N, C-alpha and C. Protein backbone atom coordinates (compact mmCIF):
# COMPACT_ATOMS: atom_id res chain seq x y z
N MET A 1 45.51 119.27 -79.88
CA MET A 1 44.50 120.18 -79.24
C MET A 1 42.42 120.38 -81.09
N HIS A 2 41.78 120.49 -80.06
CA HIS A 2 41.20 120.35 -81.87
C HIS A 2 40.34 122.51 -81.39
N VAL A 3 40.31 122.85 -82.82
CA VAL A 3 39.51 124.10 -82.13
C VAL A 3 38.23 124.06 -83.31
N PRO A 4 36.90 124.60 -83.45
CA PRO A 4 36.37 124.11 -84.14
C PRO A 4 35.97 125.46 -84.57
N VAL A 5 37.44 125.81 -85.29
CA VAL A 5 37.70 126.63 -86.35
C VAL A 5 38.58 126.85 -87.29
N SER A 6 38.66 126.61 -88.34
CA SER A 6 39.43 126.51 -89.86
C SER A 6 41.39 126.83 -89.43
N ARG A 7 41.82 126.95 -89.86
CA ARG A 7 43.10 127.46 -89.29
C ARG A 7 43.22 128.78 -90.40
N PRO A 8 43.22 128.65 -91.32
CA PRO A 8 43.05 130.76 -91.86
C PRO A 8 42.46 130.75 -91.51
N ALA A 9 40.73 130.68 -90.57
CA ALA A 9 39.99 131.65 -89.71
C ALA A 9 40.82 132.52 -88.81
N VAL A 10 41.55 131.05 -87.87
CA VAL A 10 42.49 131.71 -87.19
C VAL A 10 43.87 132.75 -86.88
N SER A 11 44.07 132.42 -88.09
CA SER A 11 44.94 132.60 -89.06
C SER A 11 44.82 134.48 -88.95
N GLN A 12 43.64 134.39 -90.07
CA GLN A 12 43.30 136.30 -90.11
C GLN A 12 42.65 136.70 -88.43
N HIS A 13 41.96 135.92 -88.08
CA HIS A 13 41.64 136.60 -85.87
C HIS A 13 42.80 137.45 -85.55
N LEU A 14 43.92 136.62 -85.55
CA LEU A 14 45.21 136.37 -85.04
C LEU A 14 46.15 137.81 -85.34
N LYS A 15 45.87 137.98 -87.02
CA LYS A 15 46.11 139.49 -87.55
C LYS A 15 45.78 139.38 -87.10
N VAL A 16 44.10 140.47 -87.65
CA VAL A 16 43.83 141.51 -86.85
C VAL A 16 44.57 141.89 -85.19
N LEU A 17 44.18 140.94 -84.12
CA LEU A 17 44.50 141.41 -83.20
C LEU A 17 46.35 141.52 -83.03
N LYS A 18 46.90 141.56 -84.14
CA LYS A 18 48.44 141.95 -83.88
C LYS A 18 48.38 143.31 -84.88
N ASP A 19 47.42 143.63 -85.95
CA ASP A 19 47.72 144.45 -86.80
C ASP A 19 46.95 145.72 -85.48
N ALA A 20 46.29 145.42 -84.56
CA ALA A 20 45.62 145.96 -83.79
C ALA A 20 46.24 146.33 -82.48
N GLY A 21 47.53 145.53 -82.08
CA GLY A 21 48.21 145.66 -81.38
C GLY A 21 47.99 144.89 -80.26
N LEU A 22 47.32 144.36 -80.29
CA LEU A 22 46.79 143.48 -78.67
C LEU A 22 47.35 142.22 -78.61
N VAL A 23 48.10 142.12 -79.68
CA VAL A 23 48.90 140.49 -79.43
C VAL A 23 50.69 140.55 -80.69
N VAL A 24 51.57 139.66 -79.67
CA VAL A 24 52.61 139.96 -80.58
C VAL A 24 53.35 138.34 -80.97
N SER A 25 53.73 138.68 -82.23
CA SER A 25 54.29 137.03 -82.54
C SER A 25 56.17 136.29 -82.13
N ARG A 26 56.12 135.47 -82.47
CA ARG A 26 57.51 135.16 -82.73
C ARG A 26 57.52 134.02 -83.41
N ARG A 27 58.41 133.64 -84.27
CA ARG A 27 58.68 132.45 -85.09
C ARG A 27 59.63 131.34 -84.02
N ASP A 28 59.02 130.31 -83.67
CA ASP A 28 59.49 129.00 -83.16
C ASP A 28 59.88 127.66 -84.69
N GLY A 29 61.17 127.72 -85.10
CA GLY A 29 61.30 126.98 -86.60
C GLY A 29 59.95 127.86 -87.83
N ASN A 30 58.58 126.69 -87.39
CA ASN A 30 57.86 126.65 -88.58
C ASN A 30 56.56 127.43 -88.25
N ARG A 31 56.93 127.33 -86.61
CA ARG A 31 55.40 128.02 -85.89
C ARG A 31 55.84 129.26 -85.40
N GLN A 32 54.09 129.73 -85.49
CA GLN A 32 54.30 131.12 -84.66
C GLN A 32 53.90 131.32 -83.52
N ILE A 33 54.22 131.63 -82.55
CA ILE A 33 53.99 131.90 -81.78
C ILE A 33 53.42 132.97 -81.32
N TYR A 34 51.88 133.19 -80.63
CA TYR A 34 52.01 134.97 -80.12
C TYR A 34 51.23 134.69 -79.02
N ARG A 35 51.34 135.50 -78.29
CA ARG A 35 50.75 136.14 -76.73
C ARG A 35 50.24 137.21 -76.66
N LEU A 36 49.57 137.91 -75.55
CA LEU A 36 48.66 138.95 -75.74
C LEU A 36 50.26 140.01 -75.68
N ASP A 37 50.66 141.19 -75.63
CA ASP A 37 50.83 142.14 -75.77
C ASP A 37 50.75 143.28 -74.30
N PRO A 38 51.06 143.19 -73.39
CA PRO A 38 50.39 144.13 -72.22
C PRO A 38 50.30 146.16 -72.64
N GLU A 39 51.57 146.61 -73.62
CA GLU A 39 50.81 147.75 -73.69
C GLU A 39 49.44 147.75 -75.19
N GLY A 40 49.61 146.58 -75.14
CA GLY A 40 48.16 146.80 -76.55
C GLY A 40 47.18 147.04 -75.05
N ILE A 41 47.01 145.39 -74.69
CA ILE A 41 46.18 146.05 -73.08
C ILE A 41 45.63 146.81 -72.65
N ALA A 42 46.86 147.07 -72.21
CA ALA A 42 46.61 148.18 -70.58
C ALA A 42 45.90 148.93 -71.68
N GLU A 43 45.92 149.44 -73.18
CA GLU A 43 45.69 151.09 -73.81
C GLU A 43 43.80 150.94 -74.24
N LEU A 44 44.19 149.34 -74.42
CA LEU A 44 42.74 149.00 -74.72
C LEU A 44 41.85 149.09 -73.50
N ARG A 45 42.48 148.73 -72.19
CA ARG A 45 42.03 149.48 -71.14
C ARG A 45 41.04 150.06 -70.59
N ASP A 46 42.31 151.29 -70.64
CA ASP A 46 42.81 152.26 -71.11
C ASP A 46 40.96 153.12 -71.81
N TYR A 47 40.76 152.41 -72.64
CA TYR A 47 40.00 153.05 -73.81
C TYR A 47 38.60 152.79 -74.04
N LEU A 48 38.56 151.87 -72.72
CA LEU A 48 37.26 150.93 -72.19
C LEU A 48 37.05 151.94 -70.98
N ASP A 49 37.82 152.11 -70.47
CA ASP A 49 37.56 152.77 -69.18
C ASP A 49 36.92 154.08 -69.41
N ARG A 50 37.78 154.20 -69.83
CA ARG A 50 37.14 156.54 -70.39
C ARG A 50 35.72 155.73 -71.54
N PHE A 51 36.29 154.93 -72.48
CA PHE A 51 34.33 155.10 -72.48
C PHE A 51 32.90 154.72 -71.80
N TRP A 52 33.51 153.49 -70.94
CA TRP A 52 32.23 153.11 -69.19
C TRP A 52 32.37 154.28 -69.21
N ALA A 53 32.92 155.38 -68.52
CA ALA A 53 32.65 156.90 -67.73
C ALA A 53 32.01 157.60 -68.07
N THR A 54 32.07 157.66 -69.57
CA THR A 54 31.21 158.87 -70.18
C THR A 54 30.30 158.14 -70.54
N ALA A 55 29.89 156.91 -70.68
CA ALA A 55 28.73 156.91 -71.35
C ALA A 55 27.87 156.33 -70.50
N LEU A 56 28.63 156.21 -68.90
CA LEU A 56 27.49 156.29 -67.50
C LEU A 56 27.02 157.72 -67.01
N ALA A 57 28.10 158.62 -67.37
CA ALA A 57 28.07 159.45 -66.85
C ALA A 57 26.87 160.45 -68.05
N SER A 58 26.92 159.79 -69.11
CA SER A 58 26.00 160.50 -70.01
C SER A 58 24.68 159.48 -69.37
N PHE A 59 24.52 158.54 -69.29
CA PHE A 59 23.42 158.18 -68.31
C PHE A 59 22.58 158.43 -67.78
N LYS A 60 23.94 158.69 -66.47
CA LYS A 60 22.89 159.71 -65.63
C LYS A 60 22.77 160.36 -64.86
N LYS A 61 22.76 162.11 -66.47
CA LYS A 61 22.38 163.13 -67.15
C LYS A 61 21.99 163.07 -67.08
N VAL A 62 20.62 161.99 -68.11
CA VAL A 62 19.48 161.39 -69.08
C VAL A 62 19.22 161.18 -68.01
N ALA A 63 18.97 160.67 -66.24
CA ALA A 63 18.52 160.32 -65.56
C ALA A 63 18.24 161.21 -64.15
N GLU A 64 19.40 161.66 -63.81
CA GLU A 64 18.67 163.66 -63.80
C GLU A 64 18.33 163.82 -64.08
N GLN A 65 18.19 163.93 -65.85
CA GLN A 65 17.08 165.30 -66.49
C GLN A 65 16.03 164.35 -66.31
N ARG A 66 15.01 162.92 -66.25
CA ARG A 66 14.52 162.98 -66.44
C ARG A 66 13.51 162.91 -64.40
N GLU A 67 14.31 162.73 -63.80
CA GLU A 67 13.97 163.16 -62.35
C GLU A 67 13.10 164.55 -61.87
N GLU A 68 14.06 165.02 -62.81
CA GLU A 68 13.55 166.22 -62.38
C GLU A 68 12.54 166.85 -63.85
N ASP A 69 11.99 165.99 -64.26
CA ASP A 69 10.98 166.59 -65.23
C ASP A 69 9.95 166.43 -64.77
N THR A 70 9.62 165.15 -64.41
CA THR A 70 9.08 164.47 -64.03
C THR A 70 8.20 165.17 -62.31
């Protein structure tokens, strides 16, 4: 498989994802096999849900305030 990114760059990105708890890895001979970590992905999803709920509530508040001001 050809990826238009160097192996070291891919390794660095995978390390960041692993450090963030989004992927886990295991050794298979001389290879490192990565997979998504369902728990990490669930935490990310929860964070994004809270983020967007707060952002949208703030947007609604500002929009309603502007509507009252006009």
